[in-house]
Every structure is written in structure tokens, then in C-alpha cells.
Amino acid sequence: MEYEDGKGSVVNIGSEEEHTVNEFAQIIIKLCNSTSKISYTEKLPQDDPKKRRADISRAKKLLTWSPTVSLEKGLKETIEYIKNANH
């Protein structure tokens, strides 16, 4: 993608909604009708982020972009794409 004001800049494309890894796992298990179990470790890695929310302010400013697809809809579409790509 080319744009003048931010040439060479990194732009985070994501959502401003915050979700835990556990929430992502639960949603994906549900959407895939999976019987997978979530496992946990005793201790988090030292550099584990406490907040998991993308800062998309640069995307909004430079690209006039903001997300238009919900997390669940995006995951459903991604799962369908992967299923169809494997056939």
C-alpha cells in the first residue's frame, strides 16, 4: 500500500477491541465445532503483554481506515477460507 505521509512507517491493522488469548481460543473452538481443550501453563512468560489491544490510530490517520468486520464474522470467514483451501 502506498501513501505519502507515512512512507516507511509500520501501520497496525486490527481492532480496538481487547480480547484475551483464552477468549480467542474459546471463540475458535465454538466456530469450528471443535472438541479441543484449552490448556494453561503455571507461569506467564516474562514479556507477556498485559494488554492485547491494537493501536490503530496510525491506520485511521494515514489510511483513513478502521475495521468494518466484527471479530466473530472475520474468524468465520477465515475458517471457511481455510476449509475451502484445503480441498
C-alpha atoms as a PDB file:
ATOM      1  CA  MET A   1       0.000   0.000   0.000  1.00  0.00           C
ATOM      2  CA  GLU A   2       1.444   3.345  -0.887  1.00  0.00           C
ATOM      3  CA  TYR A   3       0.729   6.613   0.842  1.00  0.00           C
ATOM      4  CA  GLU A   4       2.833   9.742   1.000  1.00  0.00           C
ATOM      5  CA  ASP A   5       2.721  10.871   4.635  1.00  0.00           C
ATOM      6  CA  GLY A   6       3.745   7.591   6.199  1.00  0.00           C
ATOM      7  CA  LYS A   7       6.272   6.149   3.761  1.00  0.00           C
ATOM      8  CA  GLY A   8       8.307   3.531   5.589  1.00  0.00           C
ATOM      9  CA  SER A   9       6.008   3.515   8.638  1.00  0.00           C
ATOM     10  CA  VAL A  10       4.574   0.414  10.251  1.00  0.00           C
ATOM     11  CA  VAL A  11       0.777   0.508  10.396  1.00  0.00           C
ATOM     12  CA  ASN A  12      -1.112  -1.797  12.751  1.00  0.00           C
ATOM     13  CA  ILE A  13      -4.277  -3.168  11.165  1.00  0.00           C
ATOM     14  CA  GLY A  14      -6.518  -4.739  13.770  1.00  0.00           C
ATOM     15  CA  SER A  15      -9.311  -3.942  16.147  1.00  0.00           C
ATOM     16  CA  GLU A  16      -9.513  -1.693  19.136  1.00  0.00           C
ATOM     17  CA  GLU A  17     -11.488  -4.379  20.960  1.00  0.00           C
ATOM     18  CA  GLU A  18      -9.474  -6.147  23.623  1.00  0.00           C
ATOM     19  CA  HIS A  19      -9.656  -9.931  23.937  1.00  0.00           C
ATOM     20  CA  THR A  20      -7.650 -12.414  25.916  1.00  0.00           C
ATOM     21  CA  VAL A  21      -5.954 -15.360  24.238  1.00  0.00           C
ATOM     22  CA  ASN A  22      -8.405 -17.532  26.178  1.00  0.00           C
ATOM     23  CA  GLU A  23     -11.357 -15.688  24.596  1.00  0.00           C
ATOM     24  CA  PHE A  24      -9.888 -16.185  21.108  1.00  0.00           C
ATOM     25  CA  ALA A  25      -9.417 -19.886  21.812  1.00  0.00           C
ATOM     26  CA  GLN A  26     -12.987 -20.280  23.080  1.00  0.00           C
ATOM     27  CA  ILE A  27     -14.465 -18.465  20.074  1.00  0.00           C
ATOM     28  CA  ILE A  28     -12.420 -20.504  17.598  1.00  0.00           C
ATOM     29  CA  ILE A  29     -13.333 -23.792  19.293  1.00  0.00           C
ATOM     30  CA  LYS A  30     -17.016 -22.826  19.119  1.00  0.00           C
ATOM     31  CA  LEU A  31     -16.894 -21.700  15.482  1.00  0.00           C
ATOM     32  CA  CYS A  32     -15.070 -24.873  14.418  1.00  0.00           C
ATOM     33  CA  ASN A  33     -17.381 -27.145  16.404  1.00  0.00           C
ATOM     34  CA  SER A  34     -14.186 -28.486  17.922  1.00  0.00           C
ATOM     35  CA  THR A  35     -13.771 -30.694  20.956  1.00  0.00           C
ATOM     36  CA  SER A  36     -10.294 -29.264  21.578  1.00  0.00           C
ATOM     37  CA  LYS A  37      -9.427 -28.474  25.171  1.00  0.00           C
ATOM     38  CA  ILE A  38      -7.614 -25.348  26.278  1.00  0.00           C
ATOM     39  CA  SER A  39      -4.515 -25.961  28.368  1.00  0.00           C
ATOM     40  CA  TYR A  40      -2.831 -23.474  30.663  1.00  0.00           C
ATOM     41  CA  THR A  41       0.695 -23.085  31.951  1.00  0.00           C
ATOM     42  CA  GLU A  42       1.592 -22.263  35.524  1.00  0.00           C
ATOM     43  CA  LYS A  43       3.530 -19.125  34.719  1.00  0.00           C
ATOM     44  CA  LEU A  44       3.230 -16.470  32.022  1.00  0.00           C
ATOM     45  CA  PRO A  45       6.347 -15.575  30.042  1.00  0.00           C
ATOM     46  CA  GLN A  46       8.178 -12.562  31.474  1.00  0.00           C
ATOM     47  CA  ASP A  47       7.471 -10.441  28.386  1.00  0.00           C
ATOM     48  CA  ASP A  48       3.791 -11.420  28.140  1.00  0.00           C
ATOM     49  CA  PRO A  49       1.749  -8.292  27.379  1.00  0.00           C
ATOM     50  CA  LYS A  50      -0.908  -7.405  29.923  1.00  0.00           C
ATOM     51  CA  LYS A  51      -2.982  -5.556  27.326  1.00  0.00           C
ATOM     52  CA  ARG A  52      -3.848  -7.076  23.953  1.00  0.00           C
ATOM     53  CA  ARG A  53      -5.476  -4.261  22.052  1.00  0.00           C
ATOM     54  CA  ALA A  54      -4.120  -2.936  18.785  1.00  0.00           C
ATOM     55  CA  ASP A  55      -3.328   0.758  18.491  1.00  0.00           C
ATOM     56  CA  ILE A  56      -4.840   1.531  15.097  1.00  0.00           C
ATOM     57  CA  SER A  57      -4.567   5.316  15.384  1.00  0.00           C
ATOM     58  CA  ARG A  58      -1.918   5.442  12.634  1.00  0.00           C
ATOM     59  CA  ALA A  59      -4.134   3.412  10.268  1.00  0.00           C
ATOM     60  CA  LYS A  60      -7.011   5.775  10.973  1.00  0.00           C
ATOM     61  CA  LYS A  61      -4.865   8.847  10.381  1.00  0.00           C
ATOM     62  CA  LEU A  62      -2.698   7.827   7.428  1.00  0.00           C
ATOM     63  CA  LEU A  63      -5.056   5.458   5.627  1.00  0.00           C
ATOM     64  CA  THR A  64      -8.419   6.722   6.868  1.00  0.00           C
ATOM     65  CA  TRP A  65      -9.036   3.072   7.720  1.00  0.00           C
ATOM     66  CA  SER A  66     -10.987   1.466  10.530  1.00  0.00           C
ATOM     67  CA  PRO A  67     -12.295  -2.089  10.950  1.00  0.00           C
ATOM     68  CA  THR A  68     -15.677  -2.883   9.429  1.00  0.00           C
ATOM     69  CA  VAL A  69     -15.905  -6.619  10.198  1.00  0.00           C
ATOM     70  CA  SER A  70     -16.604  -7.988  13.679  1.00  0.00           C
ATOM     71  CA  LEU A  71     -14.191 -10.441  15.287  1.00  0.00           C
ATOM     72  CA  GLU A  72     -16.641 -13.341  15.034  1.00  0.00           C
ATOM     73  CA  LYS A  73     -17.525 -12.618  11.396  1.00  0.00           C
ATOM     74  CA  GLY A  74     -13.853 -12.268  10.446  1.00  0.00           C
ATOM     75  CA  LEU A  75     -12.980 -15.537  12.172  1.00  0.00           C
ATOM     76  CA  LYS A  76     -15.911 -17.321  10.482  1.00  0.00           C
ATOM     77  CA  GLU A  77     -14.749 -16.095   7.072  1.00  0.00           C
ATOM     78  CA  THR A  78     -11.150 -17.078   7.807  1.00  0.00           C
ATOM     79  CA  ILE A  79     -12.195 -20.573   8.951  1.00  0.00           C
ATOM     80  CA  GLU A  80     -14.296 -21.044   5.803  1.00  0.00           C
ATOM     81  CA  TYR A  81     -11.418 -19.856   3.621  1.00  0.00           C
ATOM     82  CA  ILE A  82      -9.019 -22.320   5.241  1.00  0.00           C
ATOM     83  CA  LYS A  83     -11.531 -25.182   4.951  1.00  0.00           C
ATOM     84  CA  ASN A  84     -12.053 -24.460   1.244  1.00  0.00           C
ATOM     85  CA  ALA A  85      -8.329 -24.003   0.556  1.00  0.00           C
ATOM     86  CA  ASN A  86      -7.599 -27.482   1.897  1.00  0.00           C
ATOM     87  CA  HIS A  87      -9.969 -29.254  -0.528  1.00  0.00           C
END
